[in-house]
């Protein structure tokens, strides 16, 4: 399944694959003007536990340490992506990801492949013209339920109507349903 991860990186605009450079313990290298990614894939949790530090040291020594001065700012935007095609313990994942020595490490498993855009720091790629703003607000019912539990009773009643009974599907309809004043009303006549 690591092919899915590699394909995802191959399809990212602005990222270039470094196929001429071979680094021990690093399967693939990608770079852009803003970021550098090293990818290491493992067959099992035990293999990852034994070898991830070797991959980190090789990535640091062969890439970060050899960077020309003109590219020095890229040192702070390097990521080592460690992939394993099985479920791993939270303890191992936390131990690896909390190690920020040299650069950030990102541990991915098969379960993460459907959410790569959320898991990988590939820049802010939300197109406001798309349906993303609506998706960000209205697909996460769990967030809305938690929010509902944290507010006063009168606000909760308005939330019930606005969010759960009417089925609003846009930010504008939510603002209207919650009877929020429009900006001109709040600011008054400032002329």
Foldseek 3Di string as FASTA:
>chain_A
DVVLVVVVQVPDPQKDWDPVDDWPQFDTWIDGLAEIETEGEDADQVVCLPCVVVVVVRCCVVPVVPDDPVSPVRQAHYEYEYEYADDDDPVSQCVQQVPQVSHGYFYYYPVCSVPVVVRDCPDDDDDPVDLVVLCVPQVCVVVLVVVLVPDDPVQNVLSCVLPPVPPDRDPVSSCVSSVPDDPCVVVDDPD
